[in-house]
Amino acid sequence: MCLSVPAKIVELQGRLATVDVMGNRREADVSLVDEPQLGDYVLVHAGFAIQKMTAEDAAESLKLWEEIARVELGE
């Protein structure tokens, strides 16, 4: 199964971006995304931003990820 997670672009340098995923920062290649900008939300899979998403869609998806994490941690 392949999963992608929503992330916010917080730094941008050419085709590489630093993205924030639920408080964790990591690098992602944004070359597949049309005109990435600071503050954009993107779906990240295997180190690549694969598409932009709205802030609302990102918030909804992050809420589901947080719920999954709580269940996995037994909270």
N, C-alpha and C. Protein backbone atom coordinates (compact mmCIF):
# COMPACT_ATOMS: atom_id res chain seq x y z
N MET A 1 0.85 -1.17 0.00
CA MET A 1 0.00 0.00 0.00
C MET A 1 0.90 1.24 0.00
N CYS A 2 0.53 2.22 -0.81
CA CYS A 2 1.28 3.47 -0.89
C CYS A 2 0.51 4.57 -0.17
N LEU A 3 1.21 5.32 0.63
CA LEU A 3 0.59 6.41 1.37
C LEU A 3 1.31 7.71 1.09
N SER A 4 0.54 8.77 1.02
CA SER A 4 1.14 10.10 0.91
C SER A 4 0.62 10.93 2.07
N VAL A 5 1.43 11.86 2.52
CA VAL A 5 1.05 12.68 3.67
C VAL A 5 1.06 14.16 3.28
N PRO A 6 0.15 14.94 3.85
CA PRO A 6 0.14 16.37 3.58
C PRO A 6 1.29 17.06 4.30
N ALA A 7 1.87 18.04 3.64
CA ALA A 7 2.99 18.78 4.22
C ALA A 7 2.93 20.23 3.74
N LYS A 8 3.48 21.12 4.56
CA LYS A 8 3.53 22.54 4.20
C LYS A 8 4.95 22.90 3.83
N ILE A 9 5.11 23.60 2.71
CA ILE A 9 6.44 24.04 2.28
C ILE A 9 6.87 25.21 3.17
N VAL A 10 7.99 25.02 3.90
CA VAL A 10 8.47 26.06 4.81
C VAL A 10 9.78 26.69 4.35
N GLU A 11 10.49 26.00 3.46
CA GLU A 11 11.70 26.55 2.84
C GLU A 11 11.74 26.01 1.42
N LEU A 12 12.27 26.82 0.52
CA LEU A 12 12.30 26.41 -0.88
C LEU A 12 13.61 26.85 -1.51
N GLN A 13 14.30 25.89 -2.11
CA GLN A 13 15.58 26.19 -2.76
C GLN A 13 15.65 25.35 -4.04
N GLY A 14 15.29 25.99 -5.15
CA GLY A 14 15.27 25.26 -6.41
C GLY A 14 14.20 24.20 -6.39
N ARG A 15 14.60 22.98 -6.73
CA ARG A 15 13.62 21.89 -6.76
C ARG A 15 13.49 21.16 -5.42
N LEU A 16 14.27 21.58 -4.43
CA LEU A 16 14.19 20.97 -3.10
C LEU A 16 13.49 21.90 -2.13
N ALA A 17 12.66 21.32 -1.30
CA ALA A 17 11.95 22.09 -0.29
C ALA A 17 12.10 21.42 1.06
N THR A 18 12.04 22.22 2.09
CA THR A 18 11.88 21.69 3.44
C THR A 18 10.39 21.78 3.71
N VAL A 19 9.81 20.66 4.09
CA VAL A 19 8.38 20.62 4.36
C VAL A 19 8.13 20.23 5.81
N ASP A 20 7.03 20.71 6.33
CA ASP A 20 6.62 20.39 7.70
C ASP A 20 5.50 19.36 7.63
N VAL A 21 5.74 18.21 8.23
CA VAL A 21 4.75 17.14 8.29
C VAL A 21 4.44 16.90 9.76
N MET A 22 3.33 17.41 10.23
CA MET A 22 2.89 17.24 11.61
C MET A 22 4.00 17.59 12.61
N GLY A 23 4.68 18.71 12.36
CA GLY A 23 5.71 19.18 13.27
C GLY A 23 7.10 18.65 13.00
N ASN A 24 7.23 17.74 12.05
CA ASN A 24 8.53 17.18 11.67
C ASN A 24 8.94 17.75 10.33
N ARG A 25 10.18 18.20 10.24
CA ARG A 25 10.67 18.76 8.98
C ARG A 25 11.50 17.74 8.24
N ARG A 26 11.32 17.73 6.93
CA ARG A 26 12.08 16.84 6.06
C ARG A 26 12.21 17.47 4.70
N GLU A 27 13.11 16.94 3.88
CA GLU A 27 13.29 17.45 2.53
C GLU A 27 12.37 16.71 1.58
N ALA A 28 11.90 17.44 0.57
CA ALA A 28 11.08 16.84 -0.48
C ALA A 28 11.45 17.48 -1.81
N ASP A 29 11.46 16.67 -2.84
CA ASP A 29 11.69 17.16 -4.20
C ASP A 29 10.35 17.68 -4.71
N VAL A 30 10.32 18.95 -5.13
CA VAL A 30 9.06 19.57 -5.58
C VAL A 30 9.02 19.73 -7.10
N SER A 31 9.90 19.04 -7.82
CA SER A 31 9.96 19.20 -9.27
C SER A 31 8.71 18.70 -9.99
N LEU A 32 7.89 17.89 -9.34
CA LEU A 32 6.66 17.39 -9.97
C LEU A 32 5.48 18.33 -9.77
N VAL A 33 5.66 19.37 -8.96
CA VAL A 33 4.57 20.30 -8.63
C VAL A 33 4.74 21.57 -9.45
N ASP A 34 3.63 22.05 -10.00
CA ASP A 34 3.65 23.26 -10.82
C ASP A 34 3.76 24.50 -9.94
N GLU A 35 4.83 25.24 -10.10
CA GLU A 35 5.08 26.51 -9.40
C GLU A 35 4.90 26.43 -7.88
N PRO A 36 5.70 25.61 -7.20
CA PRO A 36 5.59 25.54 -5.74
C PRO A 36 6.00 26.87 -5.10
N GLN A 37 5.32 27.24 -4.03
CA GLN A 37 5.58 28.48 -3.31
C GLN A 37 5.66 28.20 -1.81
N LEU A 38 6.36 29.07 -1.08
CA LEU A 38 6.37 28.97 0.38
C LEU A 38 4.94 29.02 0.87
N GLY A 39 4.62 28.18 1.83
CA GLY A 39 3.28 28.16 2.40
C GLY A 39 2.31 27.24 1.70
N ASP A 40 2.67 26.73 0.51
CA ASP A 40 1.80 25.77 -0.18
C ASP A 40 1.73 24.47 0.60
N TYR A 41 0.58 23.82 0.51
CA TYR A 41 0.43 22.47 1.03
C TYR A 41 0.55 21.50 -0.13
N VAL A 42 1.30 20.42 0.09
CA VAL A 42 1.52 19.41 -0.94
C VAL A 42 1.37 18.02 -0.34
N LEU A 43 1.06 17.06 -1.19
CA LEU A 43 1.08 15.66 -0.78
C LEU A 43 2.47 15.12 -1.06
N VAL A 44 3.08 14.48 -0.07
CA VAL A 44 4.44 13.96 -0.21
C VAL A 44 4.40 12.44 -0.14
N HIS A 45 5.06 11.82 -1.12
CA HIS A 45 5.17 10.37 -1.16
C HIS A 45 6.60 10.01 -1.58
N ALA A 46 7.26 9.22 -0.79
CA ALA A 46 8.62 8.73 -1.10
C ALA A 46 9.59 9.87 -1.41
N GLY A 47 9.45 10.97 -0.66
CA GLY A 47 10.37 12.09 -0.82
C GLY A 47 10.04 13.06 -1.93
N PHE A 48 8.92 12.84 -2.61
CA PHE A 48 8.50 13.73 -3.69
C PHE A 48 7.16 14.36 -3.37
N ALA A 49 7.06 15.67 -3.58
CA ALA A 49 5.76 16.33 -3.53
C ALA A 49 5.08 15.97 -4.85
N ILE A 50 3.90 15.35 -4.77
CA ILE A 50 3.26 14.86 -5.99
C ILE A 50 2.09 15.72 -6.45
N GLN A 51 1.56 16.56 -5.56
CA GLN A 51 0.51 17.50 -5.98
C GLN A 51 0.26 18.52 -4.89
N LYS A 52 -0.26 19.67 -5.29
CA LYS A 52 -0.66 20.70 -4.33
C LYS A 52 -2.03 20.33 -3.77
N MET A 53 -2.32 20.88 -2.60
CA MET A 53 -3.65 20.70 -2.01
C MET A 53 -4.01 21.98 -1.27
N THR A 54 -5.29 22.18 -1.03
CA THR A 54 -5.73 23.37 -0.31
C THR A 54 -5.41 23.21 1.17
N ALA A 55 -5.36 24.33 1.86
CA ALA A 55 -5.13 24.29 3.31
C ALA A 55 -6.24 23.52 4.01
N GLU A 56 -7.47 23.66 3.52
CA GLU A 56 -8.60 22.96 4.12
C GLU A 56 -8.46 21.45 3.95
N ASP A 57 -8.10 21.01 2.74
CA ASP A 57 -7.91 19.58 2.50
C ASP A 57 -6.75 19.03 3.33
N ALA A 58 -5.68 19.82 3.45
CA ALA A 58 -4.54 19.40 4.26
C ALA A 58 -4.95 19.24 5.72
N ALA A 59 -5.72 20.20 6.24
CA ALA A 59 -6.16 20.13 7.64
C ALA A 59 -7.03 18.90 7.88
N GLU A 60 -7.92 18.61 6.94
CA GLU A 60 -8.79 17.44 7.08
C GLU A 60 -7.98 16.15 7.06
N SER A 61 -7.03 16.07 6.14
CA SER A 61 -6.18 14.89 6.05
C SER A 61 -5.31 14.72 7.29
N LEU A 62 -4.73 15.83 7.77
CA LEU A 62 -3.90 15.76 8.98
C LEU A 62 -4.70 15.31 10.19
N LYS A 63 -5.95 15.73 10.26
CA LYS A 63 -6.82 15.30 11.36
C LYS A 63 -6.97 13.78 11.34
N LEU A 64 -7.14 13.22 10.16
CA LEU A 64 -7.26 11.76 10.04
C LEU A 64 -5.96 11.07 10.41
N TRP A 65 -4.82 11.62 9.98
CA TRP A 65 -3.52 11.05 10.35
C TRP A 65 -3.31 11.07 11.86
N GLU A 66 -3.72 12.17 12.50
CA GLU A 66 -3.58 12.27 13.96
C GLU A 66 -4.46 11.23 14.65
N GLU A 67 -5.65 11.00 14.12
CA GLU A 67 -6.54 9.99 14.69
C GLU A 67 -5.93 8.60 14.55
N ILE A 68 -5.35 8.31 13.40
CA ILE A 68 -4.69 7.02 13.18
C ILE A 68 -3.54 6.85 14.17
N ALA A 69 -2.75 7.90 14.37
CA ALA A 69 -1.63 7.83 15.31
C ALA A 69 -2.11 7.56 16.73
N ARG A 70 -3.21 8.20 17.13
CA ARG A 70 -3.75 7.97 18.48
C ARG A 70 -4.18 6.52 18.65
N VAL A 71 -4.82 5.96 17.64
CA VAL A 71 -5.26 4.56 17.71
C VAL A 71 -4.04 3.64 17.79
N GLU A 72 -3.04 3.90 16.95
CA GLU A 72 -1.83 3.08 16.95
C GLU A 72 -1.10 3.13 18.28
N LEU A 73 -1.13 4.29 18.94
CA LEU A 73 -0.44 4.46 20.22
C LEU A 73 -1.31 4.03 21.40
N GLY A 74 -2.55 3.65 21.11
CA GLY A 74 -3.44 3.18 22.16
C GLY A 74 -3.96 4.27 23.06
N GLU A 75 -4.05 5.48 22.55
CA GLU A 75 -4.55 6.60 23.37
C GLU A 75 -6.06 6.69 23.29
